[in-house]
Amino acid sequence: MTGTTPRRRPSPAVYRRRRLVLLIALLVIAGVVWLLIAQPWAVAATDSSDKPDPGQQQNTAESLPVPSGQATTGGTETGAVEGAVVEGATPTPGATPTALPCVASEITVEAVTSADTYAGDQNPQFSISLTNNGADCTLNVGTTAQSFTVTSGDDVWWRSTDCQSEPSDMVVLIAAGQTVSSAAPLTWDRTRSAVGTCADGNRPLAPGGGASYHLSVEIGGIASTEPKQFLLY
């Protein structure tokens, strides 16, 4: 019979190396499985997006600011709220609107007068009313975007922008179906306006005696659907 050589048992050092390699392999596999299941990067991204960003807050309009610095006879101011702002909608520097800009076809702008007729000692007061007939949208309702114009026939008697001081922008959110009006009316002193005559005390007075005038307004680049007629006595 031919004798067989007995197999040599691995040394303890070899066993230790094998166990170390196996342990490392198991740790690597466990780590890969944890990454696939736990997805720590997704958690971090969620935590970051869930934090409120002050710059993303959108101011909602409750009323419209009133142009200031309208000159009257003698150069004083009237019918204006100096530094007026939209109540509850003070702009935040760097604020980013969360809705798309308003579409003109979905916004109804109306010229509003405080009365239909005015006696000789009464000055007309004007306001703007706008209604959003579409979805939530943003619009510049600041005094830079507002215009009041008084005409008699083809004759332009007065523009609010002729003597306006310190106009400012104010982009706010107009909710779907919301109607917003001026925070306070703007008074016309019944004189003819022109750039360069704002401080004059002898500007021509608009004729009374039942004369007919029309008010047209514009805000955010959107004009009133039709002028509002009123009479001066």
C-alpha atoms as a PDB file:
ATOM      1  CA  MET A   1       0.000   0.000   0.000  1.00  0.00           C
ATOM      2  CA  THR A   2       1.115   3.417  -0.799  1.00  0.00           C
ATOM      3  CA  GLY A   3       1.164   5.693   2.198  1.00  0.00           C
ATOM      4  CA  THR A   4      -0.652   9.063   2.180  1.00  0.00           C
ATOM      5  CA  THR A   5       0.804  12.264   3.458  1.00  0.00           C
ATOM      6  CA  PRO A   6      -1.371  13.705   6.245  1.00  0.00           C
ATOM      7  CA  ARG A   7      -2.859  17.213   5.507  1.00  0.00           C
ATOM      8  CA  ARG A   8      -1.386  20.006   7.484  1.00  0.00           C
ATOM      9  CA  ARG A   9      -3.761  22.041   9.582  1.00  0.00           C
ATOM     10  CA  PRO A  10      -3.567  25.812   8.983  1.00  0.00           C
ATOM     11  CA  SER A  11      -1.681  27.669  11.605  1.00  0.00           C
ATOM     12  CA  PRO A  12      -3.526  29.927  14.108  1.00  0.00           C
ATOM     13  CA  ALA A  13      -2.154  32.974  12.267  1.00  0.00           C
ATOM     14  CA  VAL A  14      -3.889  31.867   9.058  1.00  0.00           C
ATOM     15  CA  TYR A  15      -7.168  31.392  10.935  1.00  0.00           C
ATOM     16  CA  ARG A  16      -6.887  34.888  12.349  1.00  0.00           C
ATOM     17  CA  ARG A  17      -6.255  36.408   8.922  1.00  0.00           C
ATOM     18  CA  ARG A  18      -9.240  34.576   7.449  1.00  0.00           C
ATOM     19  CA  ARG A  19     -11.514  35.717  10.271  1.00  0.00           C
ATOM     20  CA  LEU A  20     -10.292  39.320   9.827  1.00  0.00           C
ATOM     21  CA  VAL A  21     -10.989  39.262   6.096  1.00  0.00           C
ATOM     22  CA  LEU A  22     -14.454  37.788   6.702  1.00  0.00           C
ATOM     23  CA  LEU A  23     -15.226  40.420   9.344  1.00  0.00           C
ATOM     24  CA  ILE A  24     -14.175  43.251   7.018  1.00  0.00           C
ATOM     25  CA  ALA A  25     -16.335  41.813   4.229  1.00  0.00           C
ATOM     26  CA  LEU A  26     -19.350  41.620   6.541  1.00  0.00           C
ATOM     27  CA  LEU A  27     -18.814  45.211   7.688  1.00  0.00           C
ATOM     28  CA  VAL A  28     -18.634  46.440   4.085  1.00  0.00           C
ATOM     29  CA  ILE A  29     -21.838  44.598   3.158  1.00  0.00           C
ATOM     30  CA  ALA A  30     -23.627  45.937   6.255  1.00  0.00           C
ATOM     31  CA  GLY A  31     -22.533  49.469   5.397  1.00  0.00           C
ATOM     32  CA  VAL A  32     -23.815  49.222   1.822  1.00  0.00           C
ATOM     33  CA  VAL A  33     -27.165  47.858   3.018  1.00  0.00           C
ATOM     34  CA  TRP A  34     -27.519  50.711   5.564  1.00  0.00           C
ATOM     35  CA  LEU A  35     -26.768  53.329   2.921  1.00  0.00           C
ATOM     36  CA  LEU A  36     -29.412  51.858   0.618  1.00  0.00           C
ATOM     37  CA  ILE A  37     -32.089  51.631   3.299  1.00  0.00           C
ATOM     38  CA  ALA A  38     -31.437  54.622   5.560  1.00  0.00           C
ATOM     39  CA  GLN A  39     -30.425  57.079   2.810  1.00  0.00           C
ATOM     40  CA  PRO A  40     -28.924  59.658   5.161  1.00  0.00           C
ATOM     41  CA  TRP A  41     -28.417  62.105   2.299  1.00  0.00           C
ATOM     42  CA  ALA A  42     -32.185  62.143   1.665  1.00  0.00           C
ATOM     43  CA  VAL A  43     -32.845  62.882   5.332  1.00  0.00           C
ATOM     44  CA  ALA A  44     -30.386  65.771   5.261  1.00  0.00           C
ATOM     45  CA  ALA A  45     -31.992  67.213   2.153  1.00  0.00           C
ATOM     46  CA  THR A  46     -35.453  66.949   3.709  1.00  0.00           C
ATOM     47  CA  ASP A  47     -34.320  68.644   6.887  1.00  0.00           C
ATOM     48  CA  SER A  48     -32.843  71.514   4.878  1.00  0.00           C
ATOM     49  CA  SER A  49     -35.978  72.066   2.795  1.00  0.00           C
ATOM     50  CA  ASP A  50     -38.282  71.875   5.804  1.00  0.00           C
ATOM     51  CA  LYS A  51     -36.630  74.865   7.453  1.00  0.00           C
ATOM     52  CA  PRO A  52     -38.624  78.080   6.816  1.00  0.00           C
ATOM     53  CA  ASP A  53     -36.871  80.539   4.542  1.00  0.00           C
ATOM     54  CA  PRO A  54     -37.797  84.133   5.404  1.00  0.00           C
ATOM     55  CA  GLY A  55     -36.978  85.153   1.856  1.00  0.00           C
ATOM     56  CA  GLN A  56     -39.716  82.892   0.519  1.00  0.00           C
ATOM     57  CA  GLN A  57     -42.544  84.503   2.497  1.00  0.00           C
ATOM     58  CA  GLN A  58     -45.086  86.278   0.291  1.00  0.00           C
ATOM     59  CA  ASN A  59     -46.926  89.366   1.502  1.00  0.00           C
ATOM     60  CA  THR A  60     -50.680  89.327   0.908  1.00  0.00           C
ATOM     61  CA  ALA A  61     -52.430  92.550  -0.098  1.00  0.00           C
ATOM     62  CA  GLU A  62     -55.253  93.829   2.083  1.00  0.00           C
ATOM     63  CA  SER A  63     -55.440  97.393   0.743  1.00  0.00           C
ATOM     64  CA  LEU A  64     -53.583  99.603  -1.712  1.00  0.00           C
ATOM     65  CA  PRO A  65     -51.052 102.308  -0.815  1.00  0.00           C
ATOM     66  CA  VAL A  66     -51.924 105.915  -1.611  1.00  0.00           C
ATOM     67  CA  PRO A  67     -49.668 108.165  -3.716  1.00  0.00           C
ATOM     68  CA  SER A  68     -48.235 111.019  -1.645  1.00  0.00           C
ATOM     69  CA  GLY A  69     -47.075 114.527  -2.410  1.00  0.00           C
ATOM     70  CA  GLN A  70     -50.075 115.668  -4.450  1.00  0.00           C
ATOM     71  CA  ALA A  71     -49.865 119.447  -4.577  1.00  0.00           C
ATOM     72  CA  THR A  72     -52.875 121.679  -3.991  1.00  0.00           C
ATOM     73  CA  THR A  73     -53.364 125.374  -4.450  1.00  0.00           C
ATOM     74  CA  GLY A  74     -50.662 127.047  -2.407  1.00  0.00           C
ATOM     75  CA  GLY A  75     -48.319 124.068  -2.641  1.00  0.00           C
ATOM     76  CA  THR A  76     -49.585 122.076   0.347  1.00  0.00           C
ATOM     77  CA  GLU A  77     -50.395 118.379   0.295  1.00  0.00           C
ATOM     78  CA  THR A  78     -53.850 116.876   0.476  1.00  0.00           C
ATOM     79  CA  GLY A  79     -55.641 113.601   0.209  1.00  0.00           C
ATOM     80  CA  ALA A  80     -52.486 111.561   0.683  1.00  0.00           C
ATOM     81  CA  VAL A  81     -51.225 109.282   3.388  1.00  0.00           C
ATOM     82  CA  GLU A  82     -47.513 110.040   3.587  1.00  0.00           C
ATOM     83  CA  GLY A  83     -45.573 106.799   3.393  1.00  0.00           C
ATOM     84  CA  ALA A  84     -48.786 104.792   3.260  1.00  0.00           C
ATOM     85  CA  VAL A  85     -48.381 101.044   2.917  1.00  0.00           C
ATOM     86  CA  VAL A  86     -50.559  98.079   2.215  1.00  0.00           C
ATOM     87  CA  GLU A  87     -51.946  96.971   5.560  1.00  0.00           C
ATOM     88  CA  GLY A  88     -50.554  93.571   6.465  1.00  0.00           C
ATOM     89  CA  ALA A  89     -48.328  93.554   3.400  1.00  0.00           C
ATOM     90  CA  THR A  90     -45.176  95.478   4.247  1.00  0.00           C
ATOM     91  CA  PRO A  91     -42.553  94.292   1.747  1.00  0.00           C
ATOM     92  CA  THR A  92     -39.712  92.106   2.998  1.00  0.00           C
ATOM     93  CA  PRO A  93     -36.342  92.942   1.382  1.00  0.00           C
ATOM     94  CA  GLY A  94     -35.363  90.131  -0.945  1.00  0.00           C
ATOM     95  CA  ALA A  95     -38.765  88.456  -0.677  1.00  0.00           C
ATOM     96  CA  THR A  96     -39.428  85.972  -3.484  1.00  0.00           C
ATOM     97  CA  PRO A  97     -42.999  85.782  -4.816  1.00  0.00           C
ATOM     98  CA  THR A  98     -44.544  82.330  -4.517  1.00  0.00           C
ATOM     99  CA  ALA A  99     -47.107  82.839  -7.302  1.00  0.00           C
ATOM    100  CA  LEU A 100     -46.909  83.847 -10.949  1.00  0.00           C
ATOM    101  CA  PRO A 101     -47.439  87.475 -12.046  1.00  0.00           C
ATOM    102  CA  CYS A 102     -51.056  88.488 -12.593  1.00  0.00           C
ATOM    103  CA  VAL A 103     -52.494  88.301 -16.101  1.00  0.00           C
ATOM    104  CA  ALA A 104     -54.199  91.509 -17.208  1.00  0.00           C
ATOM    105  CA  SER A 105     -57.199  89.642 -18.636  1.00  0.00           C
ATOM    106  CA  GLU A 106     -57.921  88.136 -15.203  1.00  0.00           C
ATOM    107  CA  ILE A 107     -57.725  91.421 -13.257  1.00  0.00           C
ATOM    108  CA  THR A 108     -60.597  93.925 -13.174  1.00  0.00           C
ATOM    109  CA  VAL A 109     -59.570  97.475 -12.281  1.00  0.00           C
ATOM    110  CA  GLU A 110     -62.235 100.035 -11.385  1.00  0.00           C
ATOM    111  CA  ALA A 111     -62.034 103.788 -10.920  1.00  0.00           C
ATOM    112  CA  VAL A 112     -63.957 104.859  -7.806  1.00  0.00           C
ATOM    113  CA  THR A 113     -65.152 108.351  -6.828  1.00  0.00           C
ATOM    114  CA  SER A 114     -66.486 109.301  -3.405  1.00  0.00           C
ATOM    115  CA  ALA A 115     -69.583 110.845  -5.020  1.00  0.00           C
ATOM    116  CA  ASP A 116     -71.223 111.377  -8.394  1.00  0.00           C
ATOM    117  CA  THR A 117     -71.575 115.137  -7.973  1.00  0.00           C
ATOM    118  CA  TYR A 118     -69.575 117.714  -6.012  1.00  0.00           C
ATOM    119  CA  ALA A 119     -70.643 121.113  -4.804  1.00  0.00           C
ATOM    120  CA  GLY A 120     -68.388 124.124  -5.312  1.00  0.00           C
ATOM    121  CA  ASP A 121     -66.767 123.717  -1.877  1.00  0.00           C
ATOM    122  CA  GLN A 122     -66.162 119.953  -2.211  1.00  0.00           C
ATOM    123  CA  ASN A 123     -63.039 118.317  -3.615  1.00  0.00           C
ATOM    124  CA  PRO A 124     -63.440 114.942  -5.358  1.00  0.00           C
ATOM    125  CA  GLN A 125     -61.846 111.924  -3.720  1.00  0.00           C
ATOM    126  CA  PHE A 126     -60.576 109.043  -5.825  1.00  0.00           C
ATOM    127  CA  SER A 127     -59.767 105.381  -5.163  1.00  0.00           C
ATOM    128  CA  ILE A 128     -58.789 102.245  -7.049  1.00  0.00           C
ATOM    129  CA  SER A 129     -60.517  98.895  -6.732  1.00  0.00           C
ATOM    130  CA  LEU A 130     -59.096  95.731  -8.298  1.00  0.00           C
ATOM    131  CA  THR A 131     -60.462  92.195  -8.356  1.00  0.00           C
ATOM    132  CA  ASN A 132     -58.530  89.035  -9.166  1.00  0.00           C
ATOM    133  CA  ASN A 133     -60.761  86.811 -11.284  1.00  0.00           C
ATOM    134  CA  GLY A 134     -58.050  84.159 -11.745  1.00  0.00           C
ATOM    135  CA  ALA A 135     -55.680  82.155  -9.578  1.00  0.00           C
ATOM    136  CA  ASP A 136     -53.387  83.557  -6.887  1.00  0.00           C
ATOM    137  CA  CYS A 137     -50.926  85.933  -8.534  1.00  0.00           C
ATOM    138  CA  THR A 138     -48.494  88.740  -7.766  1.00  0.00           C
ATOM    139  CA  LEU A 139     -48.820  92.376  -8.792  1.00  0.00           C
ATOM    140  CA  ASN A 140     -46.918  95.589  -8.237  1.00  0.00           C
ATOM    141  CA  VAL A 141     -49.465  97.762  -6.416  1.00  0.00           C
ATOM    142  CA  GLY A 142     -46.928 100.371  -5.279  1.00  0.00           C
ATOM    143  CA  THR A 143     -47.340 104.067  -5.967  1.00  0.00           C
ATOM    144  CA  THR A 144     -44.960 103.815  -8.941  1.00  0.00           C
ATOM    145  CA  ALA A 145     -47.515 101.532 -10.590  1.00  0.00           C
ATOM    146  CA  GLN A 146     -50.577 103.705  -9.891  1.00  0.00           C
ATOM    147  CA  SER A 147     -52.039 106.449 -12.059  1.00  0.00           C
ATOM    148  CA  PHE A 148     -55.168 108.616 -11.655  1.00  0.00           C
ATOM    149  CA  THR A 149     -56.225 110.769 -14.627  1.00  0.00           C
ATOM    150  CA  VAL A 150     -59.077 113.303 -14.823  1.00  0.00           C
ATOM    151  CA  THR A 151     -60.331 114.327 -18.243  1.00  0.00           C
ATOM    152  CA  SER A 152     -63.098 116.494 -19.637  1.00  0.00           C
ATOM    153  CA  GLY A 153     -63.758 115.444 -23.185  1.00  0.00           C
ATOM    154  CA  ASP A 154     -60.327 115.224 -24.822  1.00  0.00           C
ATOM    155  CA  ASP A 155     -58.800 117.656 -22.330  1.00  0.00           C
ATOM    156  CA  VAL A 156     -56.595 116.109 -19.641  1.00  0.00           C
ATOM    157  CA  TRP A 157     -57.077 118.183 -16.497  1.00  0.00           C
ATOM    158  CA  TRP A 158     -55.128 116.315 -13.870  1.00  0.00           C
ATOM    159  CA  ARG A 159     -52.693 113.418 -13.472  1.00  0.00           C
ATOM    160  CA  SER A 160     -51.663 112.038 -10.104  1.00  0.00           C
ATOM    161  CA  THR A 161     -48.162 111.347 -11.419  1.00  0.00           C
ATOM    162  CA  ASP A 162     -47.457 114.994 -12.317  1.00  0.00           C
ATOM    163  CA  CYS A 163     -46.727 116.026  -8.729  1.00  0.00           C
ATOM    164  CA  GLN A 164     -46.194 112.696  -7.002  1.00  0.00           C
ATOM    165  CA  SER A 165     -43.285 112.477  -4.550  1.00  0.00           C
ATOM    166  CA  GLU A 166     -41.191 109.463  -3.522  1.00  0.00           C
ATOM    167  CA  PRO A 167     -43.049 106.739  -5.448  1.00  0.00           C
ATOM    168  CA  SER A 168     -42.177 103.174  -4.493  1.00  0.00           C
ATOM    169  CA  ASP A 169     -42.751  99.613  -5.691  1.00  0.00           C
ATOM    170  CA  MET A 170     -44.682  97.030  -3.705  1.00  0.00           C
ATOM    171  CA  VAL A 171     -45.154  93.535  -5.146  1.00  0.00           C
ATOM    172  CA  VAL A 172     -47.796  91.613  -3.222  1.00  0.00           C
ATOM    173  CA  LEU A 173     -49.903  88.471  -3.546  1.00  0.00           C
ATOM    174  CA  ILE A 174     -53.471  88.931  -4.764  1.00  0.00           C
ATOM    175  CA  ALA A 175     -55.505  85.890  -3.761  1.00  0.00           C
ATOM    176  CA  ALA A 176     -57.937  84.256  -6.166  1.00  0.00           C
ATOM    177  CA  GLY A 177     -61.287  86.073  -6.048  1.00  0.00           C
ATOM    178  CA  GLN A 178     -59.893  88.836  -3.814  1.00  0.00           C
ATOM    179  CA  THR A 179     -60.947  92.475  -4.189  1.00  0.00           C
ATOM    180  CA  VAL A 180     -58.509  95.109  -2.948  1.00  0.00           C
ATOM    181  CA  SER A 181     -59.143  98.857  -2.663  1.00  0.00           C
ATOM    182  CA  SER A 182     -57.147 101.936  -1.750  1.00  0.00           C
ATOM    183  CA  ALA A 183     -56.356 102.272   1.951  1.00  0.00           C
ATOM    184  CA  ALA A 184     -57.505 105.910   1.763  1.00  0.00           C
ATOM    185  CA  PRO A 185     -58.874 108.112  -1.038  1.00  0.00           C
ATOM    186  CA  LEU A 186     -56.732 110.545  -3.018  1.00  0.00           C
ATOM    187  CA  THR A 187     -58.116 114.100  -3.143  1.00  0.00           C
ATOM    188  CA  TRP A 188     -58.123 116.275  -6.266  1.00  0.00           C
ATOM    189  CA  ASP A 189     -58.016 120.001  -5.550  1.00  0.00           C
ATOM    190  CA  ARG A 190     -59.910 120.780  -8.792  1.00  0.00           C
ATOM    191  CA  THR A 191     -56.897 122.467 -10.413  1.00  0.00           C
ATOM    192  CA  ARG A 192     -55.073 121.671 -13.651  1.00  0.00           C
ATOM    193  CA  SER A 193     -51.849 119.746 -13.024  1.00  0.00           C
ATOM    194  CA  ALA A 194     -48.617 119.891 -14.952  1.00  0.00           C
ATOM    195  CA  VAL A 195     -45.050 118.962 -14.144  1.00  0.00           C
ATOM    196  CA  GLY A 196     -43.281 122.074 -12.907  1.00  0.00           C
ATOM    197  CA  THR A 197     -46.412 123.796 -11.566  1.00  0.00           C
ATOM    198  CA  CYS A 198     -46.914 121.671  -8.462  1.00  0.00           C
ATOM    199  CA  ALA A 199     -46.042 124.475  -6.033  1.00  0.00           C
ATOM    200  CA  ASP A 200     -47.882 127.207  -7.935  1.00  0.00           C
ATOM    201  CA  GLY A 201     -50.733 128.838  -6.060  1.00  0.00           C
ATOM    202  CA  ASN A 202     -52.532 130.085  -9.163  1.00  0.00           C
ATOM    203  CA  ARG A 203     -53.114 126.941 -11.162  1.00  0.00           C
ATOM    204  CA  PRO A 204     -56.300 127.107 -13.300  1.00  0.00           C
ATOM    205  CA  LEU A 205     -59.441 125.843 -11.572  1.00  0.00           C
ATOM    206  CA  ALA A 206     -61.617 123.289 -13.327  1.00  0.00           C
ATOM    207  CA  PRO A 207     -64.947 124.785 -14.457  1.00  0.00           C
ATOM    208  CA  GLY A 208     -68.007 123.839 -12.383  1.00  0.00           C
ATOM    209  CA  GLY A 209     -71.675 124.569 -13.020  1.00  0.00           C
ATOM    210  CA  GLY A 210     -72.463 120.912 -13.714  1.00  0.00           C
ATOM    211  CA  ALA A 211     -69.423 120.274 -15.936  1.00  0.00           C
ATOM    212  CA  SER A 212     -68.771 116.592 -16.634  1.00  0.00           C
ATOM    213  CA  TYR A 213     -65.442 114.920 -15.894  1.00  0.00           C
ATOM    214  CA  HIS A 214     -64.154 111.373 -16.098  1.00  0.00           C
ATOM    215  CA  LEU A 215     -61.707 109.496 -13.861  1.00  0.00           C
ATOM    216  CA  SER A 216     -59.497 106.759 -15.306  1.00  0.00           C
ATOM    217  CA  VAL A 217     -57.055 104.736 -13.221  1.00  0.00           C
ATOM    218  CA  GLU A 218     -54.269 102.274 -13.819  1.00  0.00           C
ATOM    219  CA  ILE A 219     -52.361  99.941 -11.499  1.00  0.00           C
ATOM    220  CA  GLY A 220     -49.638  97.425 -12.235  1.00  0.00           C
ATOM    221  CA  GLY A 221     -49.900  98.233 -15.939  1.00  0.00           C
ATOM    222  CA  ILE A 222     -53.611  97.326 -15.985  1.00  0.00           C
ATOM    223  CA  ALA A 223     -56.065 100.111 -16.858  1.00  0.00           C
ATOM    224  CA  SER A 224     -59.601 100.495 -15.558  1.00  0.00           C
ATOM    225  CA  THR A 225     -62.227  98.874 -17.744  1.00  0.00           C
ATOM    226  CA  GLU A 226     -64.097 102.157 -18.190  1.00  0.00           C
ATOM    227  CA  PRO A 227     -63.846 105.722 -16.837  1.00  0.00           C
ATOM    228  CA  LYS A 228     -65.995 106.884 -13.919  1.00  0.00           C
ATOM    229  CA  GLN A 229     -68.057 109.999 -14.645  1.00  0.00           C
ATOM    230  CA  PHE A 230     -68.676 112.747 -12.068  1.00  0.00           C
ATOM    231  CA  LEU A 231     -69.989 116.326 -12.121  1.00  0.00           C
ATOM    232  CA  LEU A 232     -68.527 119.508 -10.648  1.00  0.00           C
ATOM    233  CA  TYR A 233     -70.752 122.385  -9.467  1.00  0.00           C
END
